């Protein structure tokens, strides 16, 4: 809405008036309006697509939709051949540096996609793992025996988990505070929320940031935004920086952007630690805090 020529759209995190941050016109002819909050740094698509089902369809999960850099079906069917195994191992390494794992630890991967991380965790024997996903691909994952909660089970899982991960999830959510509240309800006191998402702080012009794919990415966060959302929803925020494991997570992101989909042992020999430091210094991917349930 505009009042006197100025935007007055409320921030979906803190409620302050959000500023006009430009617009993006897509090949389909749709124009998406962007807003950014000066108080907490949250940015969002003001007019997201209402019918997400036509976006998160089979074409999307085959890498033929809004994000051509993904191929979730290949990853589901060939987990040992996909380069995403670097990310799965990196996430496990990061979480191991935050909490002790073991057979009694319960880990939920929220928005788990094809369940690849869940399957990796179970194969590692590091913990008990399950996923939650409502997209088209969820039934494919269940058919392969990957444990995923249904919506009724998810709603009844109050206080059952020690760890919740949300890997490249929050940018898809129109109402991020609802997500943070839901995750807090799932965690035991002292439980960990670990998430990854792009860092909007390094991108003052959202219209030039490749991460802004408004058909699917509708929420954009700075570290201070995540910290505020965590504090508002029952977490203690803590910044831990470039923990061991992030080099694999960042390495996967680089390879994904380069169009590399198949894992090759030669990739392990690349100097991922200094590469990740260089990339993180420019993009601040590890600046987002983790959340501890209080």
Protein backbone atom coordinates (compact mmCIF):
# COMPACT_ATOMS: atom_id res chain seq x y z
CA UNK A 1 0.00 0.00 0.00
CA UNK A 2 1.15 3.58 -0.62
CA UNK A 3 0.44 6.59 1.57
CA UNK A 4 1.46 9.99 0.24
CA UNK A 5 3.70 8.38 -2.38
CA UNK A 6 5.57 6.18 0.13
CA UNK A 7 5.23 2.49 0.82
CA UNK A 8 3.70 1.50 4.15
CA UNK A 9 3.82 -2.27 3.93
CA UNK A 10 4.57 -3.82 7.33
CA UNK A 11 7.63 -5.99 7.84
CA UNK A 12 6.63 -9.61 8.41
CA UNK A 13 9.24 -9.96 11.15
CA UNK A 14 9.15 -6.80 13.28
CA UNK A 15 6.10 -4.96 11.95
CA UNK A 16 7.95 -1.75 11.03
CA UNK A 17 7.18 0.02 7.75
CA UNK A 18 9.14 -1.62 4.96
CA UNK A 19 10.72 0.37 2.15
CA UNK A 20 10.27 -0.10 -1.58
CA UNK A 21 13.22 -2.23 -2.76
CA UNK A 22 12.39 -2.31 -6.45
CA UNK A 23 10.68 -4.83 -8.67
CA UNK A 24 11.59 -7.73 -10.92
CA UNK A 25 9.79 -8.64 -14.13
CA UNK A 26 10.00 -12.30 -15.07
CA UNK A 27 9.87 -13.93 -18.49
CA UNK A 28 6.29 -14.98 -17.76
CA UNK A 29 5.32 -11.32 -17.71
CA UNK A 30 4.72 -11.24 -13.96
CA UNK A 31 6.16 -8.34 -12.00
CA UNK A 32 7.18 -9.02 -8.41
CA UNK A 33 7.44 -6.16 -5.93
CA UNK A 34 10.21 -6.17 -3.33
CA UNK A 35 10.17 -4.60 0.14
CA UNK A 36 12.95 -4.21 2.73
CA UNK A 37 12.71 -3.35 6.41
CA UNK A 38 15.23 -0.73 7.63
CA UNK A 39 14.73 -1.82 11.26
CA UNK A 40 15.54 -5.54 11.10
CA UNK A 41 16.88 -6.03 7.56
CA UNK A 42 14.18 -8.45 6.45
CA UNK A 43 13.30 -8.28 2.75
CA UNK A 44 10.41 -9.96 1.02
CA UNK A 45 8.35 -10.33 -2.13
CA UNK A 46 5.19 -8.32 -1.52
CA UNK A 47 3.08 -10.20 -4.06
CA UNK A 48 4.24 -13.85 -4.07
CA UNK A 49 2.52 -16.42 -6.23
CA UNK A 50 -0.58 -17.72 -4.48
CA UNK A 51 -0.63 -21.16 -6.09
CA UNK A 52 2.66 -22.69 -4.96
CA UNK A 53 1.55 -26.12 -6.18
CA UNK A 54 2.08 -25.07 -9.77
CA UNK A 55 5.64 -24.03 -8.92
CA UNK A 56 6.72 -26.99 -6.77
CA UNK A 57 5.67 -29.61 -9.30
CA UNK A 58 7.54 -32.46 -10.97
CA UNK A 59 9.30 -30.07 -13.35
CA UNK A 60 10.72 -28.12 -10.41
CA UNK A 61 12.15 -31.22 -8.76
CA UNK A 62 13.72 -32.30 -12.06
CA UNK A 63 15.50 -28.95 -12.38
CA UNK A 64 13.21 -27.80 -15.20
CA UNK A 65 11.32 -25.16 -13.22
CA UNK A 66 12.17 -21.92 -11.46
CA UNK A 67 15.58 -23.16 -10.26
CA UNK A 68 17.52 -24.91 -13.06
CA UNK A 69 20.42 -25.71 -10.72
CA UNK A 70 18.58 -28.48 -8.85
CA UNK A 71 17.77 -32.05 -9.81
CA UNK A 72 16.18 -33.63 -6.76
CA UNK A 73 15.08 -36.76 -8.57
CA UNK A 74 18.65 -37.55 -9.61
CA UNK A 75 19.80 -36.99 -6.03
CA UNK A 76 17.03 -39.25 -4.75
CA UNK A 77 17.77 -42.06 -7.16
CA UNK A 78 21.59 -41.75 -7.15
CA UNK A 79 22.65 -40.57 -3.68
CA UNK A 80 26.20 -41.90 -4.08
CA UNK A 81 26.63 -40.12 -7.42
CA UNK A 82 25.34 -36.66 -6.58
CA UNK A 83 27.66 -33.84 -5.63
CA UNK A 84 25.15 -32.89 -2.92
CA UNK A 85 26.72 -35.56 -0.72
CA UNK A 86 29.32 -32.89 0.10
CA UNK A 87 26.58 -30.72 1.57
CA UNK A 88 25.05 -33.60 3.54
CA UNK A 89 28.39 -34.45 5.13
CA UNK A 90 29.14 -30.80 5.78
CA UNK A 91 25.84 -30.32 7.63
CA UNK A 92 26.56 -33.37 9.76
CA UNK A 93 30.05 -32.06 10.55
CA UNK A 94 28.75 -28.61 11.53
CA UNK A 95 26.05 -30.02 13.82
CA UNK A 96 28.57 -32.40 15.41
CA UNK A 97 30.59 -29.34 16.36
CA UNK A 98 27.55 -27.86 18.06
CA UNK A 99 25.93 -30.78 19.90
CA UNK A 100 27.00 -34.31 20.84
CA UNK A 101 25.30 -36.86 18.62
CA UNK A 102 24.48 -40.48 19.31
CA UNK A 103 21.81 -43.17 18.94
CA UNK A 104 19.44 -41.38 21.35
CA UNK A 105 19.57 -38.01 19.58
CA UNK A 106 16.52 -37.17 17.46
CA UNK A 107 17.10 -34.97 14.40
CA UNK A 108 14.38 -33.55 12.15
CA UNK A 109 15.23 -32.08 8.75
CA UNK A 110 12.46 -29.54 8.08
CA UNK A 111 11.66 -28.99 4.40
CA UNK A 112 13.80 -32.02 3.62
CA UNK A 113 13.02 -32.17 -0.10
CA UNK A 114 13.90 -35.65 -1.30
CA UNK A 115 15.10 -36.70 2.15
CA UNK A 116 18.73 -37.00 1.09
CA UNK A 117 20.12 -35.56 4.32
CA UNK A 118 17.87 -37.87 6.36
CA UNK A 119 19.13 -40.90 4.47
CA UNK A 120 22.74 -39.74 4.87
CA UNK A 121 22.32 -39.29 8.63
CA UNK A 122 20.78 -42.73 9.02
CA UNK A 123 23.56 -44.34 6.99
CA UNK A 124 26.16 -42.60 9.17
CA UNK A 125 24.63 -43.99 12.36
CA UNK A 126 25.07 -40.55 13.94
CA UNK A 127 21.53 -40.23 15.30
CA UNK A 128 17.86 -40.98 14.76
CA UNK A 129 16.70 -38.93 11.78
CA UNK A 130 13.46 -38.12 10.05
CA UNK A 131 12.24 -35.44 7.67
CA UNK A 132 9.25 -33.22 7.02
CA UNK A 133 8.24 -32.27 3.50
CA UNK A 134 4.93 -31.41 1.83
CA UNK A 135 6.13 -31.04 -1.76
CA UNK A 136 5.53 -33.32 -4.74
CA UNK A 137 8.70 -35.27 -4.09
CA UNK A 138 7.74 -36.44 -0.60
CA UNK A 139 5.86 -39.51 -1.82
CA UNK A 140 8.85 -40.53 -3.96
CA UNK A 141 11.09 -40.36 -0.89
CA UNK A 142 8.69 -42.41 1.23
CA UNK A 143 8.51 -45.05 -1.49
CA UNK A 144 12.26 -45.58 -1.04
CA UNK A 145 11.85 -46.04 2.71
CA UNK A 146 13.07 -42.62 3.82
CA UNK A 147 11.18 -41.73 7.03
CA UNK A 148 9.15 -38.54 6.64
CA UNK A 149 6.56 -37.22 9.04
CA UNK A 150 3.05 -36.68 7.77
CA UNK A 151 1.27 -33.44 8.64
CA UNK A 152 -0.67 -35.08 11.50
CA UNK A 153 2.54 -36.57 12.95
CA UNK A 154 4.30 -33.24 12.59
CA UNK A 155 1.55 -31.49 14.50
CA UNK A 156 1.83 -34.01 17.34
CA UNK A 157 5.63 -33.91 17.64
CA UNK A 158 5.83 -31.24 20.35
CA UNK A 159 9.14 -31.27 22.22
CA UNK A 160 10.41 -34.46 20.61
CA UNK A 161 13.59 -33.35 18.82
CA UNK A 162 17.11 -32.46 19.88
CA UNK A 163 18.11 -30.98 16.50
CA UNK A 164 16.13 -29.36 13.69
CA UNK A 165 17.80 -28.36 10.44
CA UNK A 166 16.30 -26.14 7.76
CA UNK A 167 18.63 -26.13 4.77
CA UNK A 168 17.73 -23.43 2.22
CA UNK A 169 14.15 -23.41 3.49
CA UNK A 170 13.32 -20.04 5.08
CA UNK A 171 13.71 -18.12 1.83
CA UNK A 172 10.69 -20.07 0.51
CA UNK A 173 8.38 -19.02 3.37
CA UNK A 174 5.86 -16.19 3.22
CA UNK A 175 5.44 -16.23 7.02
CA UNK A 176 8.87 -16.98 8.55
CA UNK A 177 7.80 -16.29 12.14
CA UNK A 178 5.26 -19.10 11.87
CA UNK A 179 8.12 -21.40 10.90
CA UNK A 180 10.33 -20.33 13.82
CA UNK A 181 7.46 -20.81 16.28
CA UNK A 182 6.68 -24.25 14.85
CA UNK A 183 10.31 -25.34 15.13
CA UNK A 184 10.54 -24.08 18.70
CA UNK A 185 7.53 -26.24 19.51
CA UNK A 186 9.26 -29.29 18.04
CA UNK A 187 12.47 -28.88 20.02
CA UNK A 188 13.28 -29.97 23.53
CA UNK A 189 14.63 -27.23 25.82
CA UNK A 190 18.25 -26.72 24.84
CA UNK A 191 17.63 -28.12 21.38
CA UNK A 192 19.38 -26.74 18.31
CA UNK A 193 18.02 -25.06 15.18
CA UNK A 194 20.61 -24.88 12.40
CA UNK A 195 19.59 -23.20 9.16
CA UNK A 196 21.22 -22.01 5.97
CA UNK A 197 20.02 -19.27 3.63
CA UNK A 198 21.54 -16.47 1.60
CA UNK A 199 22.70 -13.33 3.40
CA UNK A 200 20.89 -10.25 2.14
CA UNK A 201 23.27 -7.91 3.99
CA UNK A 202 25.80 -8.23 1.19
CA UNK A 203 23.22 -7.34 -1.47
CA UNK A 204 21.92 -3.77 -1.13
CA UNK A 205 20.26 -4.00 -4.56
CA UNK A 206 17.97 -7.01 -4.38
CA UNK A 207 17.07 -6.73 -8.05
CA UNK A 208 20.66 -7.67 -8.96
CA UNK A 209 21.01 -10.59 -6.53
CA UNK A 210 20.73 -13.94 -8.33
CA UNK A 211 19.25 -15.51 -5.17
CA UNK A 212 16.08 -13.48 -5.69
CA UNK A 213 14.04 -15.95 -7.73
CA UNK A 214 10.63 -14.61 -6.72
CA UNK A 215 8.57 -17.56 -7.89
CA UNK A 216 10.19 -19.64 -5.14
CA UNK A 217 12.36 -17.35 -2.97
CA UNK A 218 10.14 -14.82 -1.21
CA UNK A 219 12.00 -14.04 2.06
CA UNK A 220 15.53 -12.71 2.47
CA UNK A 221 17.48 -12.41 5.70
CA UNK A 222 20.43 -10.63 7.19
CA UNK A 223 22.11 -12.12 10.27
CA UNK A 224 20.39 -9.51 12.44
CA UNK A 225 17.04 -10.57 10.95
CA UNK A 226 17.57 -14.20 11.88
CA UNK A 227 18.75 -13.18 15.35
CA UNK A 228 15.64 -11.08 15.89
CA UNK A 229 13.30 -13.79 14.63
CA UNK A 230 14.95 -16.32 16.93
CA UNK A 231 14.66 -14.10 19.98
CA UNK A 232 11.01 -13.36 19.21
CA UNK A 233 10.09 -17.05 19.05
CA UNK A 234 11.74 -18.61 22.10
CA UNK A 235 15.38 -19.10 21.09
CA UNK A 236 18.75 -17.87 22.23
CA UNK A 237 20.72 -16.80 19.16
CA UNK A 238 24.43 -17.57 18.91
CA UNK A 239 26.86 -16.77 16.10
CA UNK A 240 29.47 -19.48 15.58
CA UNK A 241 31.01 -18.51 12.23
CA UNK A 242 32.91 -20.81 9.90
CA UNK A 243 32.67 -24.08 11.81
CA UNK A 244 34.31 -27.25 10.43
CA UNK A 245 31.92 -28.65 7.84
CA UNK A 246 31.02 -25.31 6.31
CA UNK A 247 33.78 -25.78 3.75
CA UNK A 248 31.79 -28.71 2.30
CA UNK A 249 28.49 -26.80 2.41
CA UNK A 250 30.03 -23.82 0.62
CA UNK A 251 31.89 -26.12 -1.76
CA UNK A 252 28.62 -27.73 -2.77
CA UNK A 253 27.04 -24.31 -3.38
CA UNK A 254 29.91 -23.36 -5.67
CA UNK A 255 29.69 -26.62 -7.61
CA UNK A 256 25.92 -26.32 -7.91
CA UNK A 257 26.22 -22.84 -9.42
CA UNK A 258 28.82 -24.17 -11.85
CA UNK A 259 26.38 -26.87 -12.98
CA UNK A 260 28.37 -29.77 -11.49
CA UNK A 261 25.89 -32.47 -10.49
CA UNK A 262 27.93 -35.67 -10.27
CA UNK A 263 30.32 -36.43 -7.45
CA UNK A 264 33.92 -37.24 -8.35
CA UNK A 265 36.60 -38.25 -5.84
CA UNK A 266 38.87 -35.61 -7.32
CA UNK A 267 36.59 -33.00 -5.76
CA UNK A 268 37.77 -34.10 -2.30
CA UNK A 269 41.29 -32.99 -3.16
CA UNK A 270 40.29 -29.38 -3.82
CA UNK A 271 41.39 -26.88 -1.13
CA UNK A 272 37.88 -26.29 0.16
CA UNK A 273 38.94 -24.66 3.44
CA UNK A 274 40.71 -21.63 1.90
CA UNK A 275 38.11 -21.49 -0.89
CA UNK A 276 35.30 -21.39 1.65
CA UNK A 277 37.07 -18.68 3.67
CA UNK A 278 37.37 -16.52 0.55
CA UNK A 279 33.74 -17.03 -0.48
CA UNK A 280 32.47 -16.49 3.07
CA UNK A 281 34.47 -13.27 3.40
CA UNK A 282 32.56 -11.93 0.39
CA UNK A 283 29.08 -13.37 1.01
CA UNK A 284 28.96 -13.89 4.82
CA UNK A 285 27.11 -17.19 4.45
CA UNK A 286 28.13 -18.32 7.94
CA UNK A 287 27.04 -15.10 9.67
CA UNK A 288 23.53 -16.35 10.39
CA UNK A 289 23.23 -17.44 14.03
CA UNK A 290 22.09 -20.82 15.26
CA UNK A 291 19.18 -20.99 17.68
CA UNK A 292 19.05 -22.72 21.06
CA UNK A 293 15.56 -23.45 22.39
CA UNK A 294 15.02 -21.80 25.79
